[in-house]
């Protein structure tokens, strides 16, 4: 495939012999999509996240647990429509780049078919062989990642898309996302903090536990420029590395193809959720 503007960060020394989609699924590679958004976009979203962070710091009267505040973008109490619209544009930029340059990602991780369940993450509460799969007609109705998003055919991690803001000593422990794909866009430049970055562990370390905690060995730490998106699969153990000074903020979303048993409160994404689904928009403090 044409891959200009997308850099591969290998997590294994094994020789290449598979498609990008297969390697993502097996946790062998992280993709870096260059210039998913502009510095102005990053500054706008970071500024809004900072405002919300300070509001909740004042409300709780203390810093956040683990030095991290986490807010669902679609939470109307946290952000307005301009933030939602801007975050959606960033997210669609990444999907468009993947659709245009690496369509195999859709085929391997999202396309319906009898083997769909076997192509999903192998760990987590949604990992089961007899799970209902998407209708086969979805491939004709939504043949790209953008189409799946626009048609509301994605299932999201709880409270995502979200913005996280870390201040020293902030971190996000090693874990797995358990969804087909994760998109993470740094909103702050590496010069804005000390330490930090996103740490990734290769396939062997990632199989050490189902939830990704306590991985073996050293992490591959990636610290992209603001606006460069990281893309990786749901079985990859990763974490937000400890920052020792400054602040770091990211826009993040993990998602899979929507299925008949997708929890209703995980299907709204950036769309306004009804009041009964508000639990998916919880704020972590």
Protein backbone atom coordinates (compact mmCIF):
# COMPACT_ATOMS: atom_id res chain seq x y z
CA UNK A 1 0.00 0.00 0.00
CA UNK A 2 0.95 3.65 -0.41
CA UNK A 3 2.09 4.62 3.06
CA UNK A 4 3.38 8.19 2.71
CA UNK A 5 2.66 9.99 5.96
CA UNK A 6 2.29 6.79 8.01
CA UNK A 7 5.29 5.43 9.92
CA UNK A 8 5.47 1.92 11.35
CA UNK A 9 6.85 1.44 14.87
CA UNK A 10 7.67 -2.29 15.20
CA UNK A 11 7.09 -4.06 18.51
CA UNK A 12 8.74 -7.31 17.43
CA UNK A 13 12.00 -8.28 15.74
CA UNK A 14 10.27 -10.94 13.65
CA UNK A 15 10.59 -10.37 9.89
CA UNK A 16 7.67 -8.85 8.04
CA UNK A 17 5.52 -11.39 6.26
CA UNK A 18 1.98 -10.22 6.80
CA UNK A 19 -0.25 -7.30 5.95
CA UNK A 20 -0.40 -4.21 8.14
CA UNK A 21 -3.88 -5.19 9.33
CA UNK A 22 -2.68 -8.63 10.39
CA UNK A 23 0.31 -7.18 12.21
CA UNK A 24 -1.91 -4.67 14.02
CA UNK A 25 -4.25 -7.47 15.04
CA UNK A 26 -1.36 -9.53 16.41
CA UNK A 27 0.10 -6.54 18.28
CA UNK A 28 3.33 -6.47 16.27
CA UNK A 29 3.25 -2.84 15.17
CA UNK A 30 2.08 0.65 16.10
CA UNK A 31 1.32 3.14 13.35
CA UNK A 32 2.14 6.83 13.54
CA UNK A 33 -0.11 8.94 11.27
CA UNK A 34 1.66 12.21 10.67
CA UNK A 35 -0.22 15.51 10.95
CA UNK A 36 -3.62 14.10 11.85
CA UNK A 37 -4.45 17.66 12.90
CA UNK A 38 -2.84 21.09 13.01
CA UNK A 39 -1.10 22.73 15.94
CA UNK A 40 -4.02 25.17 16.11
CA UNK A 41 -6.42 22.21 16.48
CA UNK A 42 -4.23 20.77 19.24
CA UNK A 43 -4.02 24.09 21.06
CA UNK A 44 -7.79 24.58 20.87
CA UNK A 45 -8.61 21.12 22.25
CA UNK A 46 -5.89 21.30 24.89
CA UNK A 47 -7.15 24.70 26.01
CA UNK A 48 -10.70 23.40 26.39
CA UNK A 49 -9.49 20.28 28.22
CA UNK A 50 -7.46 22.48 30.57
CA UNK A 51 -10.53 24.60 31.35
CA UNK A 52 -12.54 21.49 32.22
CA UNK A 53 -9.63 20.05 34.23
CA UNK A 54 -9.41 23.19 36.36
CA UNK A 55 -13.18 23.29 36.83
CA UNK A 56 -13.23 19.78 38.26
CA UNK A 57 -10.13 20.39 40.35
CA UNK A 58 -12.00 23.28 41.99
CA UNK A 59 -15.15 21.17 42.34
CA UNK A 60 -13.36 18.25 44.03
CA UNK A 61 -10.93 20.42 45.93
CA UNK A 62 -7.98 18.15 45.15
CA UNK A 63 -5.78 16.98 42.27
CA UNK A 64 -7.02 13.98 40.26
CA UNK A 65 -6.15 10.40 41.20
CA UNK A 66 -2.94 9.27 39.50
CA UNK A 67 -2.46 12.82 38.25
CA UNK A 68 -4.94 12.23 35.43
CA UNK A 69 -8.24 13.85 34.52
CA UNK A 70 -10.30 12.06 31.85
CA UNK A 71 -13.39 13.53 30.17
CA UNK A 72 -15.74 12.16 27.51
CA UNK A 73 -15.83 14.57 24.57
CA UNK A 74 -19.60 14.05 24.18
CA UNK A 75 -20.27 15.00 27.82
CA UNK A 76 -22.23 18.25 27.49
CA UNK A 77 -21.31 19.20 31.05
CA UNK A 78 -17.64 19.06 30.14
CA UNK A 79 -17.48 20.39 26.56
CA UNK A 80 -19.56 22.33 24.05
CA UNK A 81 -20.42 21.50 20.43
CA UNK A 82 -17.35 23.28 19.05
CA UNK A 83 -15.13 20.85 20.95
CA UNK A 84 -17.15 17.87 19.68
CA UNK A 85 -16.97 19.14 16.10
CA UNK A 86 -13.22 19.73 16.27
CA UNK A 87 -12.54 16.32 17.83
CA UNK A 88 -14.67 14.64 15.18
CA UNK A 89 -12.68 16.33 12.41
CA UNK A 90 -9.42 15.08 13.91
CA UNK A 91 -10.78 11.56 14.26
CA UNK A 92 -12.07 11.50 10.68
CA UNK A 93 -8.69 12.72 9.39
CA UNK A 94 -7.12 9.59 10.86
CA UNK A 95 -9.82 7.26 9.50
CA UNK A 96 -9.48 8.81 6.04
CA UNK A 97 -5.70 8.30 6.07
CA UNK A 98 -6.10 4.64 7.06
CA UNK A 99 -8.85 4.06 4.48
CA UNK A 100 -6.80 5.62 1.69
CA UNK A 101 -3.39 4.13 2.48
CA UNK A 102 -4.05 0.94 4.44
CA UNK A 103 -7.52 -0.43 3.57
CA UNK A 104 -6.42 -3.84 4.82
CA UNK A 105 -7.04 -2.51 8.36
CA UNK A 106 -10.77 -2.43 7.63
CA UNK A 107 -10.63 -5.90 6.06
CA UNK A 108 -8.72 -7.48 8.94
CA UNK A 109 -10.32 -5.81 11.96
CA UNK A 110 -13.78 -4.54 11.03
CA UNK A 111 -15.24 -6.28 7.97
CA UNK A 112 -18.09 -8.75 8.68
CA UNK A 113 -17.72 -12.41 7.84
CA UNK A 114 -17.87 -15.86 9.39
CA UNK A 115 -14.40 -15.38 10.85
CA UNK A 116 -15.15 -11.91 12.28
CA UNK A 117 -14.99 -13.03 15.93
CA UNK A 118 -11.63 -14.73 15.32
CA UNK A 119 -10.25 -11.40 14.03
CA UNK A 120 -11.21 -9.50 17.19
CA UNK A 121 -9.09 -9.00 20.34
CA UNK A 122 -8.54 -12.28 22.14
CA UNK A 123 -8.84 -10.85 25.66
CA UNK A 124 -11.35 -8.76 27.57
CA UNK A 125 -15.06 -9.00 28.43
CA UNK A 126 -16.12 -8.87 24.77
CA UNK A 127 -13.83 -11.73 23.67
CA UNK A 128 -15.95 -14.83 23.05
CA UNK A 129 -16.17 -17.17 20.10
CA UNK A 130 -19.97 -17.32 20.04
CA UNK A 131 -20.43 -13.54 20.11
CA UNK A 132 -23.07 -12.27 17.64
CA UNK A 133 -21.32 -10.82 14.61
CA UNK A 134 -22.19 -7.88 12.37
CA UNK A 135 -24.61 -8.48 9.53
CA UNK A 136 -22.82 -9.47 6.32
CA UNK A 137 -24.60 -6.67 4.43
CA UNK A 138 -22.54 -4.14 6.38
CA UNK A 139 -19.62 -4.58 3.97
CA UNK A 140 -21.75 -3.24 1.14
CA UNK A 141 -23.36 -0.45 3.16
CA UNK A 142 -20.20 0.64 4.96
CA UNK A 143 -17.05 -0.47 3.07
CA UNK A 144 -14.68 1.91 4.89
CA UNK A 145 -13.88 3.02 8.43
CA UNK A 146 -15.33 6.47 7.70
CA UNK A 147 -18.56 4.85 6.50
CA UNK A 148 -18.82 2.80 9.70
CA UNK A 149 -18.39 5.94 11.76
CA UNK A 150 -20.88 8.04 9.79
CA UNK A 151 -23.50 5.26 9.90
CA UNK A 152 -23.18 4.78 13.68
CA UNK A 153 -21.89 1.24 13.21
CA UNK A 154 -19.07 1.44 15.77
CA UNK A 155 -18.94 0.28 19.37
CA UNK A 156 -16.72 2.43 21.63
CA UNK A 157 -14.81 1.96 24.85
CA UNK A 158 -16.67 3.40 27.81
CA UNK A 159 -16.61 7.20 27.86
CA UNK A 160 -14.75 7.53 24.56
CA UNK A 161 -13.76 9.44 22.52
CA UNK A 162 -12.18 11.19 25.49
CA UNK A 163 -9.53 13.72 26.37
CA UNK A 164 -7.00 12.89 29.08
CA UNK A 165 -4.88 15.48 30.83
CA UNK A 166 -1.89 14.45 32.96
CA UNK A 167 0.09 16.62 35.34
CA UNK A 168 3.16 15.52 37.29
CA UNK A 169 3.29 12.87 38.64
CA UNK A 170 0.62 11.65 36.21
CA UNK A 171 0.44 8.25 34.51
CA UNK A 172 -1.90 5.62 33.09
CA UNK A 173 -0.89 2.10 34.14
CA UNK A 174 -0.19 -0.69 31.66
CA UNK A 175 -3.41 -2.11 30.20
CA UNK A 176 -5.14 -3.37 27.07
CA UNK A 177 -8.05 -1.61 25.35
CA UNK A 178 -9.78 -4.83 24.17
CA UNK A 179 -11.25 -3.09 21.10
CA UNK A 180 -10.28 -3.64 17.45
CA UNK A 181 -8.40 -0.37 17.12
CA UNK A 182 -7.27 2.59 19.21
CA UNK A 183 -6.48 6.09 17.90
CA UNK A 184 -4.48 8.33 20.25
CA UNK A 185 -3.61 11.91 19.27
CA UNK A 186 -1.21 13.91 21.48
CA UNK A 187 -2.42 17.48 21.96
CA UNK A 188 0.75 18.72 23.65
CA UNK A 189 4.30 18.80 22.28
CA UNK A 190 6.97 16.67 23.99
CA UNK A 191 8.61 19.91 25.11
CA UNK A 192 5.56 20.65 27.32
CA UNK A 193 6.43 17.91 29.83
CA UNK A 194 9.25 15.76 31.14
CA UNK A 195 9.04 11.98 30.98
CA UNK A 196 5.75 10.77 29.59
CA UNK A 197 4.95 9.37 26.18
CA UNK A 198 3.07 6.15 25.47
CA UNK A 199 4.82 2.89 26.30
CA UNK A 200 4.11 -0.28 24.29
CA UNK A 201 5.07 -3.89 24.98
CA UNK A 202 5.46 -6.47 22.25
CA UNK A 203 3.32 -9.57 21.66
CA UNK A 204 5.18 -11.84 24.08
CA UNK A 205 4.93 -9.40 26.98
CA UNK A 206 1.35 -8.52 26.06
CA UNK A 207 0.22 -12.13 26.54
CA UNK A 208 1.50 -12.12 30.13
CA UNK A 209 -1.94 -11.19 31.45
CA UNK A 210 -5.42 -10.68 30.04
CA UNK A 211 -5.65 -7.07 31.21
CA UNK A 212 -2.10 -6.12 30.31
CA UNK A 213 -0.98 -5.27 33.84
CA UNK A 214 2.58 -6.00 35.00
CA UNK A 215 4.11 -6.70 31.56
CA UNK A 216 7.56 -8.22 31.28
CA UNK A 217 10.51 -6.31 29.89
CA UNK A 218 11.02 -2.72 28.87
CA UNK A 219 8.48 -0.71 26.94
CA UNK A 220 8.99 0.85 23.54
CA UNK A 221 8.24 4.48 24.42
CA UNK A 222 6.79 6.64 21.66
CA UNK A 223 6.51 10.40 22.11
CA UNK A 224 5.01 11.83 18.90
CA UNK A 225 4.75 15.46 17.97
CA UNK A 226 1.48 17.17 18.81
CA UNK A 227 -1.07 16.24 16.15
CA UNK A 228 0.61 12.98 15.05
CA UNK A 229 -1.78 10.10 15.78
CA UNK A 230 -0.82 6.68 17.13
CA UNK A 231 -2.89 3.71 15.94
CA UNK A 232 -2.71 0.22 17.49
CA UNK A 233 -4.68 -2.95 18.14
CA UNK A 234 -6.70 -3.97 21.19
CA UNK A 235 -4.44 -6.78 22.43
CA UNK A 236 -1.39 -4.51 22.74
CA UNK A 237 -0.27 -3.78 26.30
CA UNK A 238 0.41 -0.05 26.62
CA UNK A 239 0.36 2.74 29.17
CA UNK A 240 0.78 6.46 29.70
CA UNK A 241 4.30 6.80 31.07
CA UNK A 242 4.95 8.85 34.20
CA UNK A 243 5.50 12.57 33.64
CA UNK A 244 7.72 14.35 36.13
CA UNK A 245 7.05 17.95 35.13
CA UNK A 246 4.60 19.94 33.01
CA UNK A 247 1.35 18.69 31.51
CA UNK A 248 0.49 16.20 28.79
CA UNK A 249 -2.88 15.82 27.05
CA UNK A 250 -4.23 13.34 24.48
CA UNK A 251 -7.41 12.72 22.50
CA UNK A 252 -8.15 8.99 22.50
CA UNK A 253 -10.77 6.62 21.10
CA UNK A 254 -10.95 2.80 21.04
CA UNK A 255 -13.59 1.14 18.87
CA UNK A 256 -14.79 -2.01 17.12
CA UNK A 257 -17.55 -2.88 14.67
CA UNK A 258 -20.99 -2.56 16.25
CA UNK A 259 -22.81 -5.86 16.76
CA UNK A 260 -26.33 -6.90 17.88
CA UNK A 261 -25.08 -7.30 21.46
CA UNK A 262 -23.16 -4.01 21.67
CA UNK A 263 -24.19 -2.23 24.90
CA UNK A 264 -26.42 0.72 23.93
CA UNK A 265 -24.36 3.16 25.99
CA UNK A 266 -21.27 2.25 23.94
CA UNK A 267 -22.74 3.11 20.53
CA UNK A 268 -23.07 6.91 20.65
CA UNK A 269 -19.47 8.00 20.32
CA UNK A 270 -19.54 11.74 19.71
CA UNK A 271 -23.31 11.89 19.29
CA UNK A 272 -25.43 13.18 22.18
CA UNK A 273 -26.45 10.23 24.32
CA UNK A 274 -29.90 9.94 25.89
CA UNK A 275 -30.08 10.40 29.64
CA UNK A 276 -30.34 6.66 30.29
CA UNK A 277 -26.96 6.18 28.62
CA UNK A 278 -25.20 8.89 30.60
CA UNK A 279 -23.25 6.29 32.55
CA UNK A 280 -20.92 5.89 29.59
CA UNK A 281 -19.95 9.55 29.90
CA UNK A 282 -18.53 9.32 33.39
CA UNK A 283 -15.58 11.49 34.29
CA UNK A 284 -12.47 9.96 35.86
CA UNK A 285 -10.94 12.09 38.56
